[in-house]
Protein backbone atom coordinates (compact mmCIF):
# COMPACT_ATOMS: atom_id res chain seq x y z
CA UNK A 1 -8.55 -17.83 -4.48
CA UNK A 2 -6.48 -17.60 -1.66
CA UNK A 3 -4.40 -15.01 0.81
CA UNK A 4 -0.59 -15.76 1.59
CA UNK A 5 1.40 -13.64 2.03
CA UNK A 6 4.66 -13.63 -0.55
CA UNK A 7 7.50 -12.00 0.00
CA UNK A 8 8.33 -8.54 -2.55
CA UNK A 9 11.55 -7.12 -1.67
CA UNK A 10 13.95 -7.54 1.26
CA UNK A 11 11.39 -5.18 3.45
CA UNK A 12 8.05 -5.69 2.60
CA UNK A 13 5.95 -8.97 2.53
CA UNK A 14 1.74 -8.32 1.37
CA UNK A 15 -1.20 -10.82 0.17
CA UNK A 16 -4.53 -9.22 -1.23
CA UNK A 17 -7.29 -10.72 -2.81
CA UNK A 18 -10.07 -9.28 -5.87
CA UNK A 19 -12.60 -8.99 -6.61
CA UNK A 20 -14.92 -7.76 -9.65
CA UNK A 21 -14.13 -4.50 -8.17
CA UNK A 22 -11.78 -4.33 -6.23
CA UNK A 23 -8.24 -5.19 -4.28
CA UNK A 24 -7.58 -5.93 -0.69
CA UNK A 25 -4.14 -6.02 0.44
CA UNK A 26 -1.70 -6.19 3.29
CA UNK A 27 0.98 -5.15 3.85
CA UNK A 28 4.17 -5.63 6.57
CA UNK A 29 7.14 -3.61 6.53
CA UNK A 30 9.81 -3.02 7.79
CA UNK A 31 11.48 0.03 9.59
CA UNK A 32 13.27 2.00 6.29
CA UNK A 33 11.70 0.56 4.16
CA UNK A 34 10.59 2.66 1.15
CA UNK A 35 8.12 1.61 -1.79
CA UNK A 36 9.48 3.84 -4.23
CA UNK A 37 7.36 6.44 -5.88
CA UNK A 38 4.77 4.74 -8.52
CA UNK A 39 1.80 5.84 -9.93
CA UNK A 40 -1.56 3.50 -10.77
CA UNK A 41 -4.84 3.79 -12.42
CA UNK A 42 -6.18 3.15 -9.53
CA UNK A 43 -7.60 4.46 -7.06
CA UNK A 44 -6.17 3.46 -3.17
CA UNK A 45 -7.66 4.10 0.09
CA UNK A 46 -5.03 3.39 2.76
CA UNK A 47 -5.33 2.36 6.07
CA UNK A 48 -2.03 1.98 8.93
CA UNK A 49 -2.97 -0.66 10.93
CA UNK A 50 0.25 -0.87 13.18
CA UNK A 51 3.48 2.00 13.12
CA UNK A 52 4.65 4.57 11.41
CA UNK A 53 4.08 6.02 7.44
CA UNK A 54 5.60 9.18 5.66
CA UNK A 55 3.42 9.58 2.35
CA UNK A 56 4.72 12.00 0.04
CA UNK A 57 1.29 11.99 -2.71
CA UNK A 58 1.32 14.16 -5.64
CA UNK A 59 3.95 16.23 -3.60
CA UNK A 60 2.48 16.90 -0.44
CA UNK A 61 4.34 15.31 1.95
CA UNK A 62 2.88 13.95 6.13
CA UNK A 63 2.99 11.72 8.86
CA UNK A 64 0.82 9.01 8.90
CA UNK A 65 -0.19 6.18 12.09
CA UNK A 66 -1.97 3.46 13.54
CA UNK A 67 -5.91 4.29 13.04
CA UNK A 68 -4.89 6.15 9.89
CA UNK A 69 -6.83 6.49 6.71
CA UNK A 70 -4.58 7.75 3.39
CA UNK A 71 -6.43 8.16 -0.05
CA UNK A 72 -4.45 8.68 -3.12
CA UNK A 73 -6.16 9.73 -6.41
CA UNK A 74 -5.76 7.93 -9.72
CA UNK A 75 -2.38 8.74 -11.88
CA UNK A 76 -1.04 10.68 -8.48
CA UNK A 77 2.42 10.23 -8.22
CA UNK A 78 3.47 8.64 -4.28
CA UNK A 79 6.00 7.58 -1.81
CA UNK A 80 5.99 5.40 1.90
CA UNK A 81 7.60 5.36 3.89
CA UNK A 82 8.34 3.14 6.72
CA UNK A 83 9.82 5.03 9.79
CA UNK A 84 8.98 2.57 12.15
CA UNK A 85 7.93 -1.42 11.50
CA UNK A 86 4.39 -1.15 10.28
CA UNK A 87 1.50 -3.30 8.86
CA UNK A 88 -1.16 -1.33 6.38
CA UNK A 89 -4.88 -2.17 3.76
CA UNK A 90 -5.12 -0.41 0.82
CA UNK A 91 -7.90 -0.82 -1.39
CA UNK A 92 -6.96 -0.42 -4.50
CA UNK A 93 -10.28 -0.02 -7.27
CA UNK A 94 -10.21 -1.47 -9.34
CA UNK A 95 -9.04 -3.81 -9.18
CA UNK A 96 -4.89 -4.58 -9.38
CA UNK A 97 -5.07 -6.14 -13.07
CA UNK A 98 -1.08 -5.86 -12.54
CA UNK A 99 -0.33 -8.17 -9.29
CA UNK A 100 -2.49 -10.79 -11.01
CA UNK A 101 -0.72 -14.22 -11.07
CA UNK A 102 0.39 -15.96 -13.83
């Protein structure tokens, strides 16, 4: 499996790799980029490597910056807004089967 960047939209790129139990993804977001409100059956742990991101997880809003770790329970609606250019690592379990390229 390769670890290549793909464009998600005009302000977001990602690369990811999946194993039997998890998917690990790295995202690069431009300032102002919005990961629209959504939910998924996977639990998600996010580590902000660079920048500042405002999260809304199940109606709870807060700001995370470099070094912060965020947990999103499975099935909970969430949204993220990049306040600055940002880099984040997301770990999903179980793996994100919906991302598998055909």
